[in-house]
Amino acid sequence: MSGLESDRNKVNKIIVHISEDGGVSRSEARRTLHKYVCEGKCDWYKTKSKKEGFDRTDLTKRQRRLVEDIIKQVMKDSEIDDAKWRIHNILCPGHPRPRPKRTQI
């Protein structure tokens, strides 16, 4: 399985968990995940988000905590910033956001 295919599977798993744990539809879970990982730096956000009613800042603390906990469970092989970058690449292909700088230990 390629890295992209593996990430796609992980993103789908995260969406299912958000849907089930948050009691929302799959499409709302996907939107919630995208809002969580989006930093507003991709071309789509800059050009189309207002028209789509996509406000990445309207997630509640509970929603943010739920999504982050699920990401950490499913993508335990990544730091949260790298996981968010990888998820964004799946959810918003063609509109990349800058890759996070790796922290040195």
C-alpha atoms as a PDB file:
ATOM      1  CA  MET A   1       0.000   0.000   0.000  1.00  0.00           C
ATOM      2  CA  SER A   2       1.435   3.387  -0.991  1.00  0.00           C
ATOM      3  CA  GLY A   3       1.777   6.220   1.508  1.00  0.00           C
ATOM      4  CA  LEU A   4      -1.008   8.182  -0.172  1.00  0.00           C
ATOM      5  CA  GLU A   5      -3.327   5.174  -0.181  1.00  0.00           C
ATOM      6  CA  SER A   6      -2.500   4.510   3.470  1.00  0.00           C
ATOM      7  CA  ASP A   7      -3.230   8.149   4.347  1.00  0.00           C
ATOM      8  CA  ARG A   8      -6.519   7.967   2.419  1.00  0.00           C
ATOM      9  CA  ASN A   9      -7.536   4.915   4.469  1.00  0.00           C
ATOM     10  CA  LYS A  10      -6.565   6.659   7.703  1.00  0.00           C
ATOM     11  CA  VAL A  11      -8.539   9.774   6.776  1.00  0.00           C
ATOM     12  CA  ASN A  12     -11.602   7.653   6.033  1.00  0.00           C
ATOM     13  CA  LYS A  13     -11.188   5.932   9.394  1.00  0.00           C
ATOM     14  CA  ILE A  14     -10.929   9.312  11.153  1.00  0.00           C
ATOM     15  CA  ILE A  15     -14.094  10.531   9.398  1.00  0.00           C
ATOM     16  CA  VAL A  16     -16.009   7.416  10.479  1.00  0.00           C
ATOM     17  CA  HIS A  17     -14.886   7.910  14.104  1.00  0.00           C
ATOM     18  CA  ILE A  18     -15.831  11.596  14.093  1.00  0.00           C
ATOM     19  CA  SER A  19     -19.228  10.724  12.632  1.00  0.00           C
ATOM     20  CA  GLU A  20     -19.892   8.019  15.213  1.00  0.00           C
ATOM     21  CA  ASP A  21     -18.402   9.757  18.257  1.00  0.00           C
ATOM     22  CA  GLY A  22     -19.812  13.178  17.360  1.00  0.00           C
ATOM     23  CA  GLY A  23     -23.211  11.929  16.256  1.00  0.00           C
ATOM     24  CA  VAL A  24     -23.016  13.701  12.893  1.00  0.00           C
ATOM     25  CA  SER A  25     -23.322  12.657   9.255  1.00  0.00           C
ATOM     26  CA  ARG A  26     -20.281  11.481   7.348  1.00  0.00           C
ATOM     27  CA  SER A  27     -20.266  14.680   5.265  1.00  0.00           C
ATOM     28  CA  GLU A  28     -20.427  16.836   8.404  1.00  0.00           C
ATOM     29  CA  ALA A  29     -17.633  14.753   9.962  1.00  0.00           C
ATOM     30  CA  ARG A  30     -15.502  15.313   6.840  1.00  0.00           C
ATOM     31  CA  ARG A  31     -16.208  19.051   6.980  1.00  0.00           C
ATOM     32  CA  THR A  32     -15.339  19.150  10.692  1.00  0.00           C
ATOM     33  CA  LEU A  33     -12.054  17.344  10.032  1.00  0.00           C
ATOM     34  CA  HIS A  34     -11.228  19.727   7.184  1.00  0.00           C
ATOM     35  CA  LYS A  35     -11.950  22.724   9.403  1.00  0.00           C
ATOM     36  CA  TYR A  36      -9.651  21.269  12.048  1.00  0.00           C
ATOM     37  CA  VAL A  37      -6.692  20.650   9.725  1.00  0.00           C
ATOM     38  CA  CYS A  38      -7.082  23.736   7.523  1.00  0.00           C
ATOM     39  CA  GLU A  39      -4.782  26.643   8.329  1.00  0.00           C
ATOM     40  CA  GLY A  40      -6.341  28.966   5.783  1.00  0.00           C
ATOM     41  CA  LYS A  41      -3.199  28.926   3.642  1.00  0.00           C
ATOM     42  CA  CYS A  42      -4.447  26.813   0.735  1.00  0.00           C
ATOM     43  CA  ASP A  43      -5.713  28.383  -2.474  1.00  0.00           C
ATOM     44  CA  TRP A  44      -9.223  26.942  -2.005  1.00  0.00           C
ATOM     45  CA  TYR A  45      -9.611  28.602   1.395  1.00  0.00           C
ATOM     46  CA  LYS A  46      -8.382  31.941   0.089  1.00  0.00           C
ATOM     47  CA  THR A  47     -10.615  31.925  -2.982  1.00  0.00           C
ATOM     48  CA  LYS A  48     -13.738  29.854  -2.282  1.00  0.00           C
ATOM     49  CA  SER A  49     -14.282  29.323   1.437  1.00  0.00           C
ATOM     50  CA  LYS A  50     -16.487  32.375   2.029  1.00  0.00           C
ATOM     51  CA  LYS A  51     -18.757  31.440  -0.870  1.00  0.00           C
ATOM     52  CA  GLU A  52     -19.033  27.897   0.557  1.00  0.00           C
ATOM     53  CA  GLY A  53     -19.722  29.138   4.099  1.00  0.00           C
ATOM     54  CA  PHE A  54     -16.598  27.384   5.360  1.00  0.00           C
ATOM     55  CA  ASP A  55     -15.393  29.051   8.548  1.00  0.00           C
ATOM     56  CA  ARG A  56     -12.526  27.070  10.011  1.00  0.00           C
ATOM     57  CA  THR A  57     -12.692  29.066  13.248  1.00  0.00           C
ATOM     58  CA  ASP A  58     -16.206  28.008  14.277  1.00  0.00           C
ATOM     59  CA  LEU A  59     -15.313  24.622  15.806  1.00  0.00           C
ATOM     60  CA  THR A  60     -16.045  24.296  19.508  1.00  0.00           C
ATOM     61  CA  LYS A  61     -13.367  23.266  21.997  1.00  0.00           C
ATOM     62  CA  ARG A  62     -15.166  19.937  22.352  1.00  0.00           C
ATOM     63  CA  GLN A  63     -15.094  19.359  18.587  1.00  0.00           C
ATOM     64  CA  ARG A  64     -11.401  20.261  18.390  1.00  0.00           C
ATOM     65  CA  ARG A  65     -10.559  17.935  21.270  1.00  0.00           C
ATOM     66  CA  LEU A  66     -12.592  15.081  19.756  1.00  0.00           C
ATOM     67  CA  VAL A  67     -10.955  15.445  16.333  1.00  0.00           C
ATOM     68  CA  GLU A  68      -7.437  15.779  17.739  1.00  0.00           C
ATOM     69  CA  ASP A  69      -7.864  12.724  19.966  1.00  0.00           C
ATOM     70  CA  ILE A  70      -9.095  10.649  17.025  1.00  0.00           C
ATOM     71  CA  ILE A  71      -6.233  11.830  14.789  1.00  0.00           C
ATOM     72  CA  LYS A  72      -3.712  10.921  17.491  1.00  0.00           C
ATOM     73  CA  GLN A  73      -5.242   7.436  17.789  1.00  0.00           C
ATOM     74  CA  VAL A  74      -5.405   6.714  14.063  1.00  0.00           C
ATOM     75  CA  MET A  75      -2.173   8.430  13.004  1.00  0.00           C
ATOM     76  CA  LYS A  76      -0.045   7.582  15.997  1.00  0.00           C
ATOM     77  CA  ASP A  77       2.984   7.344  13.688  1.00  0.00           C
ATOM     78  CA  SER A  78       2.981  11.135  13.163  1.00  0.00           C
ATOM     79  CA  GLU A  79       3.283  14.305  15.155  1.00  0.00           C
ATOM     80  CA  ILE A  80      -0.009  16.229  15.097  1.00  0.00           C
ATOM     81  CA  ASP A  81       1.245  18.977  12.731  1.00  0.00           C
ATOM     82  CA  ASP A  82       2.515  16.424  10.216  1.00  0.00           C
ATOM     83  CA  ALA A  83      -0.715  14.415  10.524  1.00  0.00           C
ATOM     84  CA  LYS A  84      -2.765  17.565   9.878  1.00  0.00           C
ATOM     85  CA  TRP A  85      -0.658  18.307   6.780  1.00  0.00           C
ATOM     86  CA  ARG A  86      -1.104  14.732   5.478  1.00  0.00           C
ATOM     87  CA  ILE A  87      -4.877  14.837   6.125  1.00  0.00           C
ATOM     88  CA  HIS A  88      -5.209  18.195   4.369  1.00  0.00           C
ATOM     89  CA  ASN A  89      -3.481  16.742   1.298  1.00  0.00           C
ATOM     90  CA  ILE A  90      -6.202  14.057   1.123  1.00  0.00           C
ATOM     91  CA  LEU A  91      -9.164  16.347   1.861  1.00  0.00           C
ATOM     92  CA  CYS A  92      -8.078  19.261  -0.300  1.00  0.00           C
ATOM     93  CA  PRO A  93      -5.922  17.856  -3.123  1.00  0.00           C
ATOM     94  CA  GLY A  94      -4.484  20.406  -5.475  1.00  0.00           C
ATOM     95  CA  HIS A  95      -4.587  23.087  -2.799  1.00  0.00           C
ATOM     96  CA  PRO A  96      -1.544  22.281  -0.702  1.00  0.00           C
ATOM     97  CA  ARG A  97      -0.672  24.002   2.492  1.00  0.00           C
ATOM     98  CA  PRO A  98       2.954  24.403   3.539  1.00  0.00           C
ATOM     99  CA  ARG A  99       4.521  21.306   5.084  1.00  0.00           C
ATOM    100  CA  PRO A 100       5.316  21.810   8.769  1.00  0.00           C
ATOM    101  CA  LYS A 101       8.918  22.101   9.794  1.00  0.00           C
ATOM    102  CA  ARG A 102      10.133  19.035  11.602  1.00  0.00           C
ATOM    103  CA  THR A 103      11.211  19.542  15.163  1.00  0.00           C
ATOM    104  CA  GLN A 104      14.531  18.077  16.137  1.00  0.00           C
ATOM    105  CA  ILE A 105      14.751  16.050  19.288  1.00  0.00           C
END
